[in-house]
PDB file of N, CA and C in Angstrom:
ATOM      1  N   UNK A   1       5.767 -29.678  83.168  1.00  0.00           N
ATOM      2  CA  UNK A   1       4.793 -29.095  84.296  1.00  0.00           C
ATOM      3  C   UNK A   1       6.435 -28.480  85.166  1.00  0.00           C
ATOM      4  N   UNK A   2       5.895 -27.276  85.646  1.00  0.00           N
ATOM      5  CA  UNK A   2       7.188 -27.046  87.188  1.00  0.00           C
ATOM      6  C   UNK A   2       6.045 -27.350  88.633  1.00  0.00           C
ATOM      7  N   UNK A   3       7.276 -28.391  88.924  1.00  0.00           N
ATOM      8  CA  UNK A   3       6.736 -28.579  90.359  1.00  0.00           C
ATOM      9  C   UNK A   3       7.981 -28.404  91.904  1.00  0.00           C
ATOM     10  N   UNK A   4       8.514 -27.460  91.251  1.00  0.00           N
ATOM     11  CA  UNK A   4       9.394 -26.443  92.287  1.00  0.00           C
ATOM     12  C   UNK A   4       9.294 -24.946  92.726  1.00  0.00           C
ATOM     13  N   UNK A   5       8.887 -24.512  93.614  1.00  0.00           N
ATOM     14  CA  UNK A   5       8.646 -23.457  93.920  1.00  0.00           C
ATOM     15  C   UNK A   5       9.904 -22.396  94.336  1.00  0.00           C
ATOM     16  N   UNK A   6      10.176 -20.470  94.110  1.00  0.00           N
ATOM     17  CA  UNK A   6      11.305 -20.697  94.302  1.00  0.00           C
ATOM     18  C   UNK A   6      10.846 -19.107  94.917  1.00  0.00           C
ATOM     19  N   UNK A   7      10.632 -18.893  96.165  1.00  0.00           N
ATOM     20  CA  UNK A   7      10.068 -17.283  96.881  1.00  0.00           C
ATOM     21  C   UNK A   7      12.174 -16.591  96.656  1.00  0.00           C
ATOM     22  N   UNK A   8      12.054 -15.718  96.304  1.00  0.00           N
ATOM     23  CA  UNK A   8      12.764 -14.402  96.090  1.00  0.00           C
ATOM     24  C   UNK A   8      12.361 -13.316  96.612  1.00  0.00           C
ATOM     25  N   UNK A   9      12.943 -12.235  97.828  1.00  0.00           N
ATOM     26  CA  UNK A   9      12.667 -10.909  97.636  1.00  0.00           C
ATOM     27  C   UNK A   9      13.966  -9.825  96.453  1.00  0.00           C
ATOM     28  N   UNK A  10      13.446  -9.016  95.345  1.00  0.00           N
ATOM     29  CA  UNK A  10      14.202  -8.221  95.295  1.00  0.00           C
ATOM     30  C   UNK A  10      13.662  -6.595  94.553  1.00  0.00           C
ATOM     31  N   UNK A  11      14.514  -6.329  94.663  1.00  0.00           N
ATOM     32  CA  UNK A  11      14.293  -4.629  94.701  1.00  0.00           C
ATOM     33  C   UNK A  11      12.819  -4.356  93.823  1.00  0.00           C
ATOM     34  N   UNK A  12      13.014  -3.448  94.225  1.00  0.00           N
ATOM     35  CA  UNK A  12      11.482  -3.632  92.751  1.00  0.00           C
ATOM     36  C   UNK A  12      11.250  -2.527  91.299  1.00  0.00           C
ATOM     37  N   UNK A  13      12.604  -2.283  91.182  1.00  0.00           N
ATOM     38  CA  UNK A  13      13.047  -1.194  89.870  1.00  0.00           C
ATOM     39  C   UNK A  13      13.654  -2.944  89.137  1.00  0.00           C
ATOM     40  N   UNK A  14      14.010  -3.434  90.026  1.00  0.00           N
ATOM     41  CA  UNK A  14      14.439  -4.403  89.497  1.00  0.00           C
ATOM     42  C   UNK A  14      13.622  -5.625  88.944  1.00  0.00           C
ATOM     43  N   UNK A  15      12.459  -5.989  89.609  1.00  0.00           N
ATOM     44  CA  UNK A  15      11.117  -6.377  88.909  1.00  0.00           C
ATOM     45  C   UNK A  15      10.560  -5.707  87.983  1.00  0.00           C
ATOM     46  N   UNK A  16      10.356  -4.360  88.196  1.00  0.00           N
ATOM     47  CA  UNK A  16       9.466  -3.537  87.153  1.00  0.00           C
ATOM     48  C   UNK A  16      10.753  -3.750  85.700  1.00  0.00           C
ATOM     49  N   UNK A  17      11.958  -3.432  86.004  1.00  0.00           N
ATOM     50  CA  UNK A  17      12.453  -4.103  84.334  1.00  0.00           C
ATOM     51  C   UNK A  17      12.667  -5.659  83.755  1.00  0.00           C
ATOM     52  N   UNK A  18      12.518  -6.474  84.888  1.00  0.00           N
ATOM     53  CA  UNK A  18      11.978  -7.424  84.593  1.00  0.00           C
ATOM     54  C   UNK A  18      10.861  -7.784  84.094  1.00  0.00           C
ATOM     55  N   UNK A  19       9.813  -6.834  84.718  1.00  0.00           N
ATOM     56  CA  UNK A  19       8.523  -7.070  84.163  1.00  0.00           C
ATOM     57  C   UNK A  19       8.687  -6.350  82.703  1.00  0.00           C
ATOM     58  N   UNK A  20       8.772  -6.095  82.375  1.00  0.00           N
ATOM     59  CA  UNK A  20       9.584  -5.175  80.846  1.00  0.00           C
ATOM     60  C   UNK A  20       9.467  -5.968  80.018  1.00  0.00           C
ATOM     61  N   UNK A  21      10.725  -6.528  80.545  1.00  0.00           N
ATOM     62  CA  UNK A  21      11.465  -7.944  79.567  1.00  0.00           C
ATOM     63  C   UNK A  21      10.771  -9.021  78.999  1.00  0.00           C
ATOM     64  N   UNK A  22      10.541  -8.952  79.783  1.00  0.00           N
ATOM     65  CA  UNK A  22       9.039 -10.239  79.326  1.00  0.00           C
ATOM     66  C   UNK A  22       7.954  -9.841  78.191  1.00  0.00           C
ATOM     67  N   UNK A  23       8.000  -8.791  79.114  1.00  0.00           N
ATOM     68  CA  UNK A  23       6.347  -8.514  77.540  1.00  0.00           C
ATOM     69  C   UNK A  23       7.043  -7.619  76.400  1.00  0.00           C
ATOM     70  N   UNK A  24       8.835  -7.488  76.891  1.00  0.00           N
ATOM     71  CA  UNK A  24       8.962  -7.017  75.615  1.00  0.00           C
ATOM     72  C   UNK A  24       9.842  -8.919  74.449  1.00  0.00           C
ATOM     73  N   UNK A  25       9.636  -9.515  75.535  1.00  0.00           N
ATOM     74  CA  UNK A  25       9.931 -10.744  74.475  1.00  0.00           C
ATOM     75  C   UNK A  25       8.624 -11.936  74.224  1.00  0.00           C
ATOM     76  N   UNK A  26       7.595 -10.676  74.680  1.00  0.00           N
ATOM     77  CA  UNK A  26       6.157 -11.978  74.352  1.00  0.00           C
ATOM     78  C   UNK A  26       5.664 -13.270  75.277  1.00  0.00           C
ATOM     79  N   UNK A  27       6.950 -12.747  76.533  1.00  0.00           N
ATOM     80  CA  UNK A  27       6.353 -13.999  77.306  1.00  0.00           C
ATOM     81  C   UNK A  27       4.927 -13.543  78.188  1.00  0.00           C
ATOM     82  N   UNK A  28       4.314 -14.638  78.979  1.00  0.00           N
ATOM     83  CA  UNK A  28       3.300 -14.599  79.240  1.00  0.00           C
ATOM     84  C   UNK A  28       3.480 -14.624  81.001  1.00  0.00           C
ATOM     85  N   UNK A  29       4.360 -14.149  81.427  1.00  0.00           N
ATOM     86  CA  UNK A  29       4.842 -13.759  82.788  1.00  0.00           C
ATOM     87  C   UNK A  29       6.101 -14.067  83.256  1.00  0.00           C
ATOM     88  N   UNK A  30       7.159 -13.133  84.411  1.00  0.00           N
ATOM     89  CA  UNK A  30       7.087 -13.086  85.297  1.00  0.00           C
ATOM     90  C   UNK A  30       7.835 -13.910  85.403  1.00  0.00           C
ATOM     91  N   UNK A  31       7.408 -15.508  86.294  1.00  0.00           N
ATOM     92  CA  UNK A  31       8.050 -16.852  85.518  1.00  0.00           C
ATOM     93  C   UNK A  31       8.400 -17.393  84.339  1.00  0.00           C
ATOM     94  N   UNK A  32       7.865 -17.030  83.394  1.00  0.00           N
ATOM     95  CA  UNK A  32       8.640 -17.744  82.064  1.00  0.00           C
ATOM     96  C   UNK A  32      10.184 -16.544  82.380  1.00  0.00           C
ATOM     97  N   UNK A  33       9.569 -15.644  82.361  1.00  0.00           N
ATOM     98  CA  UNK A  33      11.615 -14.594  81.994  1.00  0.00           C
ATOM     99  C   UNK A  33      12.103 -15.120  82.974  1.00  0.00           C
ATOM    100  N   UNK A  34      12.045 -15.242  84.716  1.00  0.00           N
ATOM    101  CA  UNK A  34      12.889 -15.701  86.007  1.00  0.00           C
ATOM    102  C   UNK A  34      13.575 -17.005  85.147  1.00  0.00           C
ATOM    103  N   UNK A  35      12.498 -17.751  85.097  1.00  0.00           N
ATOM    104  CA  UNK A  35      13.216 -19.133  84.377  1.00  0.00           C
ATOM    105  C   UNK A  35      14.154 -19.097  83.196  1.00  0.00           C
ATOM    106  N   UNK A  36      13.062 -18.353  82.596  1.00  0.00           N
ATOM    107  CA  UNK A  36      14.505 -18.834  80.902  1.00  0.00           C
ATOM    108  C   UNK A  36      15.441 -17.944  81.479  1.00  0.00           C
ATOM    109  N   UNK A  37      15.828 -16.622  82.090  1.00  0.00           N
ATOM    110  CA  UNK A  37      16.831 -16.059  82.736  1.00  0.00           C
ATOM    111  C   UNK A  37      18.275 -17.233  83.101  1.00  0.00           C
ATOM    112  N   UNK A  38      17.062 -17.618  84.446  1.00  0.00           N
ATOM    113  CA  UNK A  38      18.000 -18.709  85.281  1.00  0.00           C
ATOM    114  C   UNK A  38      18.386 -19.633  84.267  1.00  0.00           C
ATOM    115  N   UNK A  39      17.783 -20.505  83.609  1.00  0.00           N
ATOM    116  CA  UNK A  39      18.003 -21.778  83.221  1.00  0.00           C
ATOM    117  C   UNK A  39      19.377 -21.169  82.116  1.00  0.00           C
ATOM    118  N   UNK A  40      19.274 -19.947  81.165  1.00  0.00           N
ATOM    119  CA  UNK A  40      20.209 -19.526  80.034  1.00  0.00           C
ATOM    120  C   UNK A  40      21.659 -19.361  81.384  1.00  0.00           C
ATOM    121  N   UNK A  41      21.623 -18.729  82.244  1.00  0.00           N
ATOM    122  CA  UNK A  41      22.626 -17.889  83.481  1.00  0.00           C
ATOM    123  C   UNK A  41      23.359 -19.014  83.451  1.00  0.00           C
ATOM    124  N   UNK A  42      22.607 -20.276  83.756  1.00  0.00           N
ATOM    125  CA  UNK A  42      22.937 -21.286  84.651  1.00  0.00           C
ATOM    126  C   UNK A  42      23.851 -22.031  83.825  1.00  0.00           C
ATOM    127  N   UNK A  43      23.211 -22.805  82.322  1.00  0.00           N
ATOM    128  CA  UNK A  43      23.572 -22.878  81.641  1.00  0.00           C
ATOM    129  C   UNK A  43      25.386 -22.613  81.403  1.00  0.00           C
ATOM    130  N   UNK A  44      25.859 -21.120  80.899  1.00  0.00           N
ATOM    131  CA  UNK A  44      26.747 -20.543  81.309  1.00  0.00           C
ATOM    132  C   UNK A  44      27.773 -20.961  81.793  1.00  0.00           C
ATOM    133  N   UNK A  45      27.388 -20.546  83.223  1.00  0.00           N
ATOM    134  CA  UNK A  45      27.997 -21.131  83.744  1.00  0.00           C
ATOM    135  C   UNK A  45      28.510 -22.808  84.236  1.00  0.00           C
ATOM    136  N   UNK A  46      27.935 -23.002  83.648  1.00  0.00           N
ATOM    137  CA  UNK A  46      28.437 -24.705  83.682  1.00  0.00           C
ATOM    138  C   UNK A  46      28.790 -24.873  82.926  1.00  0.00           C
ATOM    139  N   UNK A  47      28.993 -24.416  81.922  1.00  0.00           N
ATOM    140  CA  UNK A  47      29.821 -24.231  80.376  1.00  0.00           C
ATOM    141  C   UNK A  47      31.187 -24.006  80.865  1.00  0.00           C
ATOM    142  N   UNK A  48      31.396 -22.635  81.305  1.00  0.00           N
ATOM    143  CA  UNK A  48      32.578 -21.908  81.431  1.00  0.00           C
ATOM    144  C   UNK A  48      32.849 -23.041  82.518  1.00  0.00           C
ATOM    145  N   UNK A  49      32.771 -23.418  83.463  1.00  0.00           N
ATOM    146  CA  UNK A  49      32.987 -23.868  84.206  1.00  0.00           C
ATOM    147  C   UNK A  49      33.786 -25.670  84.630  1.00  0.00           C
ATOM    148  N   UNK A  50      33.276 -26.187  83.473  1.00  0.00           N
ATOM    149  CA  UNK A  50      33.035 -27.865  82.647  1.00  0.00           C
ATOM    150  C   UNK A  50      34.395 -27.391  81.575  1.00  0.00           C
ATOM    151  N   UNK A  51      34.805 -26.980  81.212  1.00  0.00           N
ATOM    152  CA  UNK A  51      35.891 -26.593  80.640  1.00  0.00           C
ATOM    153  C   UNK A  51      37.894 -26.304  81.274  1.00  0.00           C
ATOM    154  N   UNK A  52      38.350 -26.443  80.825  1.00  0.00           N
ATOM    155  CA  UNK A  52      39.858 -26.209  81.415  1.00  0.00           C
ATOM    156  C   UNK A  52      40.705 -26.187  79.940  1.00  0.00           C
ATOM    157  N   UNK A  53      40.569 -24.624  80.458  1.00  0.00           N
ATOM    158  CA  UNK A  53      41.911 -23.833  78.926  1.00  0.00           C
ATOM    159  C   UNK A  53      43.168 -23.922  79.715  1.00  0.00           C
ATOM    160  N   UNK A  54      44.346 -24.877  78.670  1.00  0.00           N
ATOM    161  CA  UNK A  54      45.870 -24.168  79.088  1.00  0.00           C
ATOM    162  C   UNK A  54      46.779 -23.306  78.466  1.00  0.00           C
ATOM    163  N   UNK A  55      47.751 -22.707  78.416  1.00  0.00           N
ATOM    164  CA  UNK A  55      48.257 -21.999  77.592  1.00  0.00           C
ATOM    165  C   UNK A  55      48.965 -22.947  76.689  1.00  0.00           C
ATOM    166  N   UNK A  56      49.769 -22.633  75.301  1.00  0.00           N
ATOM    167  CA  UNK A  56      50.106 -22.962  74.392  1.00  0.00           C
ATOM    168  C   UNK A  56      51.230 -23.818  75.170  1.00  0.00           C
ATOM    169  N   UNK A  57      52.077 -23.819  76.038  1.00  0.00           N
ATOM    170  CA  UNK A  57      53.239 -24.098  76.860  1.00  0.00           C
ATOM    171  C   UNK A  57      52.784 -25.387  77.342  1.00  0.00           C
ATOM    172  N   UNK A  58      51.750 -25.232  78.006  1.00  0.00           N
ATOM    173  CA  UNK A  58      51.223 -26.786  78.874  1.00  0.00           C
ATOM    174  C   UNK A  58      50.460 -27.637  78.019  1.00  0.00           C
ATOM    175  N   UNK A  59      49.540 -27.002  76.708  1.00  0.00           N
ATOM    176  CA  UNK A  59      48.964 -28.092  76.054  1.00  0.00           C
ATOM    177  C   UNK A  59      50.220 -29.055  75.696  1.00  0.00           C
ATOM    178  N   UNK A  60      51.221 -28.224  74.850  1.00  0.00           N
ATOM    179  CA  UNK A  60      52.509 -29.042  74.612  1.00  0.00           C
ATOM    180  C   UNK A  60      53.414 -29.920  75.696  1.00  0.00           C
ATOM    181  N   UNK A  61      53.426 -29.828  76.739  1.00  0.00           N
ATOM    182  CA  UNK A  61      53.916 -30.517  77.528  1.00  0.00           C
ATOM    183  C   UNK A  61      52.641 -31.638  77.854  1.00  0.00           C
ATOM    184  N   UNK A  62      51.574 -31.520  78.236  1.00  0.00           N
ATOM    185  CA  UNK A  62      50.746 -32.286  78.306  1.00  0.00           C
ATOM    186  C   UNK A  62      50.614 -32.996  77.624  1.00  0.00           C
ATOM    187  N   UNK A  63      50.152 -33.092  76.277  1.00  0.00           N
ATOM    188  CA  UNK A  63      50.032 -33.901  74.630  1.00  0.00           C
ATOM    189  C   UNK A  63      51.312 -34.807  75.147  1.00  0.00           C
ATOM    190  N   UNK A  64      52.883 -33.976  75.387  1.00  0.00           N
ATOM    191  CA  UNK A  64      53.713 -34.633  75.580  1.00  0.00           C
ATOM    192  C   UNK A  64      53.807 -36.549  76.530  1.00  0.00           C
ATOM    193  N   UNK A  65      53.907 -35.591  77.218  1.00  0.00           N
ATOM    194  CA  UNK A  65      53.012 -36.578  79.074  1.00  0.00           C
ATOM    195  C   UNK A  65      52.134 -37.276  78.290  1.00  0.00           C
ATOM    196  N   UNK A  66      50.863 -37.670  77.330  1.00  0.00           N
ATOM    197  CA  UNK A  66      50.538 -38.088  76.767  1.00  0.00           C
ATOM    198  C   UNK A  66      50.825 -38.814  76.222  1.00  0.00           C
ATOM    199  N   UNK A  67      51.752 -38.661  75.051  1.00  0.00           N
ATOM    200  CA  UNK A  67      52.278 -39.342  74.633  1.00  0.00           C
ATOM    201  C   UNK A  67      53.209 -40.483  74.722  1.00  0.00           C
ATOM    202  N   UNK A  68      53.819 -40.457  76.143  1.00  0.00           N
ATOM    203  CA  UNK A  68      55.088 -40.996  76.913  1.00  0.00           C
ATOM    204  C   UNK A  68      53.751 -42.619  77.789  1.00  0.00           C
ATOM    205  N   UNK A  69      54.032 -43.441  76.984  1.00  0.00           N
ATOM    206  CA  UNK A  69      53.225 -44.555  77.106  1.00  0.00           C
ATOM    207  C   UNK A  69      53.646 -45.274  78.736  1.00  0.00           C
ATOM    208  N   UNK A  70      53.640 -45.964  79.354  1.00  0.00           N
ATOM    209  CA  UNK A  70      54.233 -46.282  80.299  1.00  0.00           C
ATOM    210  C   UNK A  70      52.772 -47.347  80.752  1.00  0.00           C
ATOM    211  N   UNK A  71      53.645 -48.264  80.903  1.00  0.00           N
ATOM    212  CA  UNK A  71      51.888 -49.426  82.571  1.00  0.00           C
ATOM    213  C   UNK A  71      52.587 -48.716  83.778  1.00  0.00           C
ATOM    214  N   UNK A  72      50.376 -48.583  84.018  1.00  0.00           N
ATOM    215  CA  UNK A  72      49.910 -47.869  85.178  1.00  0.00           C
ATOM    216  C   UNK A  72      50.495 -48.439  85.868  1.00  0.00           C
ATOM    217  N   UNK A  73      50.383 -47.582  87.497  1.00  0.00           N
ATOM    218  CA  UNK A  73      51.036 -47.855  88.513  1.00  0.00           C
ATOM    219  C   UNK A  73      50.101 -48.784  89.882  1.00  0.00           C
ATOM    220  N   UNK A  74      50.785 -48.729  90.364  1.00  0.00           N
ATOM    221  CA  UNK A  74      49.614 -49.328  91.488  1.00  0.00           C
ATOM    222  C   UNK A  74      47.649 -49.021  91.688  1.00  0.00           C
ATOM    223  N   UNK A  75      48.018 -47.533  92.106  1.00  0.00           N
ATOM    224  CA  UNK A  75      47.167 -46.202  92.094  1.00  0.00           C
ATOM    225  C   UNK A  75      46.466 -46.716  90.919  1.00  0.00           C
ATOM    226  N   UNK A  76      46.971 -46.251  89.881  1.00  0.00           N
ATOM    227  CA  UNK A  76      46.021 -45.965  88.959  1.00  0.00           C
ATOM    228  C   UNK A  76      45.054 -47.869  89.055  1.00  0.00           C
ATOM    229  N   UNK A  77      46.074 -48.440  88.864  1.00  0.00           N
ATOM    230  CA  UNK A  77      45.545 -49.994  88.488  1.00  0.00           C
ATOM    231  C   UNK A  77      44.255 -49.915  90.093  1.00  0.00           C
ATOM    232  N   UNK A  78      43.907 -49.905  91.060  1.00  0.00           N
ATOM    233  CA  UNK A  78      43.454 -49.323  92.104  1.00  0.00           C
ATOM    234  C   UNK A  78      42.109 -48.459  91.676  1.00  0.00           C
ATOM    235  N   UNK A  79      42.991 -47.311  91.067  1.00  0.00           N
ATOM    236  CA  UNK A  79      41.166 -46.359  90.622  1.00  0.00           C
ATOM    237  C   UNK A  79      40.852 -46.793  89.734  1.00  0.00           C
ATOM    238  N   UNK A  80      41.248 -48.041  88.802  1.00  0.00           N
ATOM    239  CA  UNK A  80      39.867 -48.325  87.987  1.00  0.00           C
ATOM    240  C   UNK A  80      39.108 -49.285  88.897  1.00  0.00           C
ATOM    241  N   UNK A  81      39.613 -50.313  89.386  1.00  0.00           N
ATOM    242  CA  UNK A  81      38.986 -51.103  90.299  1.00  0.00           C
ATOM    243  C   UNK A  81      37.973 -50.732  91.094  1.00  0.00           C
ATOM    244  N   UNK A  82      38.809 -48.920  91.571  1.00  0.00           N
ATOM    245  CA  UNK A  82      37.272 -48.481  92.199  1.00  0.00           C
ATOM    246  C   UNK A  82      35.825 -48.016  91.549  1.00  0.00           C
ATOM    247  N   UNK A  83      36.478 -47.214  90.060  1.00  0.00           N
ATOM    248  CA  UNK A  83      35.335 -47.074  89.702  1.00  0.00           C
ATOM    249  C   UNK A  83      34.628 -48.263  88.723  1.00  0.00           C
ATOM    250  N   UNK A  84      35.175 -48.632  88.276  1.00  0.00           N
ATOM    251  CA  UNK A  84      33.751 -50.090  88.252  1.00  0.00           C
ATOM    252  C   UNK A  84      33.548 -51.224  88.776  1.00  0.00           C
ATOM    253  N   UNK A  85      34.443 -50.805  90.244  1.00  0.00           N
ATOM    254  CA  UNK A  85      33.088 -51.202  91.800  1.00  0.00           C
ATOM    255  C   UNK A  85      32.153 -50.044  91.691  1.00  0.00           C
ATOM    256  N   UNK A  86      31.940 -49.251  91.687  1.00  0.00           N
ATOM    257  CA  UNK A  86      31.004 -47.807  91.730  1.00  0.00           C
ATOM    258  C   UNK A  86      29.840 -47.716  90.470  1.00  0.00           C
ATOM    259  N   UNK A  87      30.342 -48.513  89.509  1.00  0.00           N
ATOM    260  CA  UNK A  87      29.124 -48.556  88.447  1.00  0.00           C
ATOM    261  C   UNK A  87      29.957 -47.370  87.304  1.00  0.00           C
ATOM    262  N   UNK A  88      30.925 -46.447  87.016  1.00  0.00           N
ATOM    263  CA  UNK A  88      31.347 -45.773  87.070  1.00  0.00           C
ATOM    264  C   UNK A  88      31.759 -45.887  85.443  1.00  0.00           C
ATOM    265  N   UNK A  89      32.445 -46.772  85.327  1.00  0.00           N
ATOM    266  CA  UNK A  89      32.713 -47.547  84.047  1.00  0.00           C
ATOM    267  C   UNK A  89      31.833 -48.996  83.608  1.00  0.00           C
TER     268      UNK A  89
END
C-alpha cells in the first residue's frame, strides 16, 4: 500500500492525455498510471547510469591491466581495511 504523497502541477493537456492513456491500459486511476510510468522510467534511468560502456580499445586496455597481477599497494590495502570496518565487505 502506498504511503507517500506526491503533489504536482501540470498542463491540462498532459493530464488529459495521461487520463486517456490510463483508461486505454485499463488502469483504475491516473495515480496508477503515473506510478507505473514513474517506476518504469526510474528503472530505465537507473539501469542506464548503472553501467559502463567502453570502446573496444579501452576494453582491451582494461583487460590487459586486469591480467597484470601485482601486489596491492598501501592505499589499496587501506581501502580494503576501511570498507571492512564500515561493513561493506
